[in-house]
N, C-alpha and C. Protein backbone atom coordinates (compact mmCIF):
# COMPACT_ATOMS: atom_id res chain seq x y z
N MET A 1 162.81 -87.69 192.19
CA MET A 1 163.50 -89.11 191.79
C MET A 1 164.03 -89.77 193.11
N LYS A 2 163.82 -90.90 193.11
CA LYS A 2 164.08 -91.86 194.25
C LYS A 2 165.16 -92.73 193.85
N VAL A 3 166.33 -92.95 194.58
CA VAL A 3 167.36 -94.05 194.31
C VAL A 3 167.52 -94.78 195.57
N ASN A 4 167.59 -96.04 195.29
CA ASN A 4 167.67 -96.96 196.31
C ASN A 4 168.88 -97.93 195.97
N ILE A 5 169.65 -97.89 197.05
CA ILE A 5 171.07 -98.79 197.02
C ILE A 5 170.90 -99.91 197.84
N GLU A 6 171.12 -101.04 197.43
CA GLU A 6 170.99 -102.33 198.45
C GLU A 6 172.35 -102.86 198.21
N VAL A 7 172.88 -103.20 199.40
CA VAL A 7 174.35 -103.84 199.56
C VAL A 7 174.28 -105.04 200.43
N ASP A 8 174.63 -106.21 199.90
CA ASP A 8 174.52 -107.39 200.57
C ASP A 8 175.94 -107.86 201.06
N MET A 9 176.07 -107.11 202.26
CA MET A 9 177.44 -107.49 203.06
C MET A 9 177.31 -108.09 204.52
N THR A 10 178.17 -108.76 204.89
CA THR A 10 178.52 -109.01 206.39
C THR A 10 178.70 -108.05 207.05
N PRO A 11 178.57 -107.86 208.48
CA PRO A 11 179.37 -106.96 209.11
C PRO A 11 180.79 -106.60 209.13
N GLU A 12 181.20 -107.86 208.96
CA GLU A 12 182.70 -107.98 208.84
C GLU A 12 183.27 -107.36 207.63
N GLU A 13 182.44 -107.76 206.32
CA GLU A 13 182.89 -107.07 205.20
C GLU A 13 182.69 -105.57 205.14
N PHE A 14 181.62 -105.17 205.68
CA PHE A 14 181.21 -103.79 205.70
C PHE A 14 182.27 -103.01 206.38
N ARG A 15 182.65 -103.54 207.55
CA ARG A 15 183.74 -102.98 208.53
C ARG A 15 185.13 -102.72 207.47
N LYS A 16 185.52 -103.87 206.90
CA LYS A 16 186.69 -103.84 206.04
C LYS A 16 186.47 -102.79 205.10
N ALA A 17 185.44 -102.88 204.47
CA ALA A 17 185.17 -101.87 203.20
C ALA A 17 185.33 -100.43 203.52
N MET A 18 184.86 -100.31 204.78
CA MET A 18 184.86 -98.86 205.31
C MET A 18 186.20 -98.31 206.10
N GLY A 19 187.06 -99.36 205.94
CA GLY A 19 188.23 -99.12 206.57
C GLY A 19 188.24 -99.11 208.12
N LEU A 20 187.34 -99.63 208.64
CA LEU A 20 187.26 -99.47 210.08
C LEU A 20 187.89 -100.65 210.85
N PRO A 21 188.60 -100.38 212.08
CA PRO A 21 189.51 -101.37 212.80
C PRO A 21 188.52 -102.40 213.29
N ASP A 22 189.16 -103.60 213.78
CA ASP A 22 188.51 -104.61 214.33
C ASP A 22 188.65 -104.32 215.77
N VAL A 23 187.43 -104.20 216.44
CA VAL A 23 187.59 -103.93 217.85
C VAL A 23 187.01 -104.78 218.70
N GLN A 24 186.78 -106.01 218.24
CA GLN A 24 186.27 -107.31 218.96
C GLN A 24 186.93 -107.46 220.19
N LYS A 25 188.32 -107.69 220.27
CA LYS A 25 189.37 -108.12 221.44
C LYS A 25 189.25 -106.82 222.36
N PHE A 26 189.05 -105.54 221.76
CA PHE A 26 189.25 -104.33 222.74
C PHE A 26 187.83 -104.39 223.46
N GLN A 27 186.78 -104.60 222.75
CA GLN A 27 185.18 -104.63 223.49
C GLN A 27 185.24 -105.88 224.59
N GLU A 28 186.02 -106.94 224.39
CA GLU A 28 185.98 -107.91 225.22
C GLU A 28 186.71 -107.60 226.37
N GLU A 29 188.03 -107.11 226.06
CA GLU A 29 188.89 -106.57 227.35
C GLU A 29 188.09 -105.23 228.11
N LEU A 30 187.36 -104.44 227.71
CA LEU A 30 186.58 -103.63 228.10
C LEU A 30 185.45 -104.15 228.92
N MET A 31 184.90 -105.17 228.50
CA MET A 31 183.78 -105.87 229.30
C MET A 31 184.35 -106.63 230.38
N THR A 32 185.49 -107.01 230.31
CA THR A 32 186.22 -107.87 231.37
C THR A 32 186.55 -106.76 232.52
N ARG A 33 186.95 -105.56 232.15
CA ARG A 33 187.39 -104.66 233.00
C ARG A 33 186.23 -104.20 233.77
N ILE A 34 185.19 -103.78 233.13
CA ILE A 34 183.98 -103.33 233.65
C ILE A 34 183.26 -104.30 234.69
N ARG A 35 183.30 -105.52 234.34
CA ARG A 35 182.65 -106.57 235.08
C ARG A 35 183.79 -106.74 236.41
N GLN A 36 184.88 -106.59 236.40
CA GLN A 36 185.80 -106.79 237.56
C GLN A 36 185.68 -105.48 238.28
N GLN A 37 185.48 -104.49 237.74
CA GLN A 37 185.19 -103.10 238.66
C GLN A 37 183.83 -103.31 239.36
N MET A 38 182.76 -103.84 238.68
CA MET A 38 181.48 -103.90 239.34
C MET A 38 181.43 -105.03 240.44
N GLU A 39 182.17 -106.03 240.06
CA GLU A 39 182.25 -107.26 241.15
C GLU A 39 183.07 -106.67 242.45
N GLU A 40 183.94 -105.96 242.06
CA GLU A 40 184.93 -105.35 243.23
C GLU A 40 184.34 -104.15 243.99
N GLY A 41 183.32 -103.57 243.51
CA GLY A 41 182.52 -102.61 244.18
C GLY A 41 183.39 -101.29 244.28
N VAL A 42 184.32 -100.96 243.24
CA VAL A 42 185.13 -99.79 243.24
C VAL A 42 184.34 -98.75 243.37
N ASP A 43 184.87 -97.92 244.41
CA ASP A 43 184.33 -96.69 244.84
C ASP A 43 184.27 -95.48 243.83
N GLY A 44 182.99 -94.94 243.73
CA GLY A 44 182.85 -94.09 242.31
C GLY A 44 183.03 -94.65 241.10
N TYR A 45 182.55 -95.99 240.97
CA TYR A 45 182.61 -96.62 239.71
C TYR A 45 181.34 -95.80 239.01
N ASP A 46 181.75 -95.29 237.73
CA ASP A 46 180.73 -94.69 236.96
C ASP A 46 180.99 -95.15 235.44
N PRO A 47 180.13 -96.16 234.82
CA PRO A 47 180.34 -96.74 233.51
C PRO A 47 180.53 -95.64 232.46
N LEU A 48 179.54 -94.45 232.68
CA LEU A 48 179.85 -93.28 231.70
C LEU A 48 181.06 -92.67 231.55
N SER A 49 181.70 -92.47 232.60
CA SER A 49 183.07 -91.83 232.87
C SER A 49 184.16 -92.67 231.98
N LEU A 50 183.82 -94.20 232.20
CA LEU A 50 184.67 -95.16 231.75
C LEU A 50 184.53 -95.03 230.14
N MET A 51 183.35 -94.94 229.58
CA MET A 51 183.05 -95.01 228.12
C MET A 51 183.19 -93.61 227.49
N LYS A 52 183.29 -92.66 228.19
CA LYS A 52 183.21 -91.37 227.47
C LYS A 52 183.95 -91.36 226.70
N PRO A 53 185.31 -91.33 226.70
CA PRO A 53 186.29 -91.20 225.43
C PRO A 53 185.89 -91.89 224.15
N PHE A 54 185.55 -93.24 224.37
CA PHE A 54 185.08 -94.06 223.34
C PHE A 54 183.73 -93.53 222.65
N ILE A 55 182.83 -93.00 223.35
CA ILE A 55 181.59 -92.66 222.89
C ILE A 55 181.87 -91.36 222.10
N SER A 56 182.55 -90.49 222.58
CA SER A 56 182.80 -89.18 221.71
C SER A 56 183.62 -89.43 220.44
N GLN A 57 184.58 -90.41 220.47
CA GLN A 57 185.01 -90.72 219.17
C GLN A 57 184.13 -91.36 218.15
N SER A 58 183.27 -92.19 218.72
CA SER A 58 182.30 -92.94 217.91
C SER A 58 181.37 -91.95 217.20
N PHE A 59 181.05 -90.91 217.78
CA PHE A 59 180.17 -89.82 217.17
C PHE A 59 180.76 -89.08 216.17
N ASP A 60 182.15 -88.69 216.43
CA ASP A 60 182.86 -87.97 215.29
C ASP A 60 183.04 -88.95 214.15
N SER A 61 183.24 -90.24 214.48
CA SER A 61 183.42 -91.12 213.16
C SER A 61 181.97 -91.10 212.11
N VAL A 62 180.73 -91.20 213.01
CA VAL A 62 179.74 -91.18 212.43
C VAL A 62 179.45 -89.83 211.91
N ASP A 63 179.91 -88.75 212.47
CA ASP A 63 179.62 -87.36 211.71
C ASP A 63 180.57 -87.40 210.34
N THR A 64 181.60 -87.85 210.46
CA THR A 64 182.55 -87.73 209.02
C THR A 64 182.06 -88.63 208.15
N TYR A 65 181.36 -89.77 208.46
CA TYR A 65 180.89 -90.60 207.51
C TYR A 65 179.54 -89.92 206.83
N GLN A 66 178.66 -89.30 207.74
CA GLN A 66 177.50 -88.54 207.10
C GLN A 66 178.23 -87.52 206.20
N LYS A 67 178.99 -86.63 206.60
CA LYS A 67 179.59 -85.59 205.70
C LYS A 67 180.09 -86.17 204.18
N LEU A 68 180.63 -87.18 204.39
CA LEU A 68 181.23 -87.97 203.17
C LEU A 68 179.94 -88.32 202.39
N MET A 69 179.10 -88.91 202.70
CA MET A 69 177.91 -89.44 202.04
C MET A 69 177.08 -88.21 201.46
N MET A 70 176.84 -87.14 202.15
CA MET A 70 176.40 -86.03 201.65
C MET A 70 177.09 -85.28 200.49
N GLN A 71 178.44 -85.30 200.72
CA GLN A 71 179.36 -84.80 199.57
C GLN A 71 179.15 -85.57 198.28
N MET A 72 179.11 -87.00 198.42
CA MET A 72 178.99 -87.64 197.28
C MET A 72 177.60 -87.51 196.70
N LEU A 73 176.68 -87.42 197.55
CA LEU A 73 175.22 -87.06 196.87
C LEU A 73 175.12 -85.76 196.42
N ASN A 74 175.75 -84.73 196.80
CA ASN A 74 175.90 -83.27 196.22
C ASN A 74 176.61 -83.45 195.06
N SER A 75 177.77 -84.07 195.06
CA SER A 75 178.53 -84.22 193.62
C SER A 75 177.77 -84.81 192.54
N TYR A 76 176.91 -85.96 192.83
CA TYR A 76 176.20 -86.65 191.93
C TYR A 76 174.94 -85.71 191.60
N THR A 77 174.36 -85.06 192.29
CA THR A 77 173.13 -84.00 192.00
C THR A 77 173.89 -82.97 190.91
N GLN A 78 175.05 -82.37 191.43
CA GLN A 78 175.77 -81.43 190.53
C GLN A 78 175.92 -81.83 189.04
N GLN A 79 176.25 -83.22 189.00
CA GLN A 79 176.70 -83.74 187.68
C GLN A 79 175.33 -83.90 186.80
N GLN A 80 174.32 -84.33 187.39
CA GLN A 80 173.09 -84.41 186.74
C GLN A 80 172.47 -83.29 186.28
N LYS A 81 172.68 -82.19 186.70
CA LYS A 81 172.20 -80.76 185.97
C LYS A 81 172.92 -80.37 184.91
């Protein structure tokens, strides 16, 4: 059996439907800070260490979303049996 689900949403609508926060201002502030540090030539400037806390949180969110989707699919297949 093959199931296709098509959702026509803007990124903003999807973000709101998933209950995700609006991070546009945060991203702008972060990019401004990174640009300033690059222009100032800060010693030991390492973009990865600056982004590391945010990257790990993002991967945790993706993992949680994937688990939710698998639970929904498993629940659906159990009901069909």
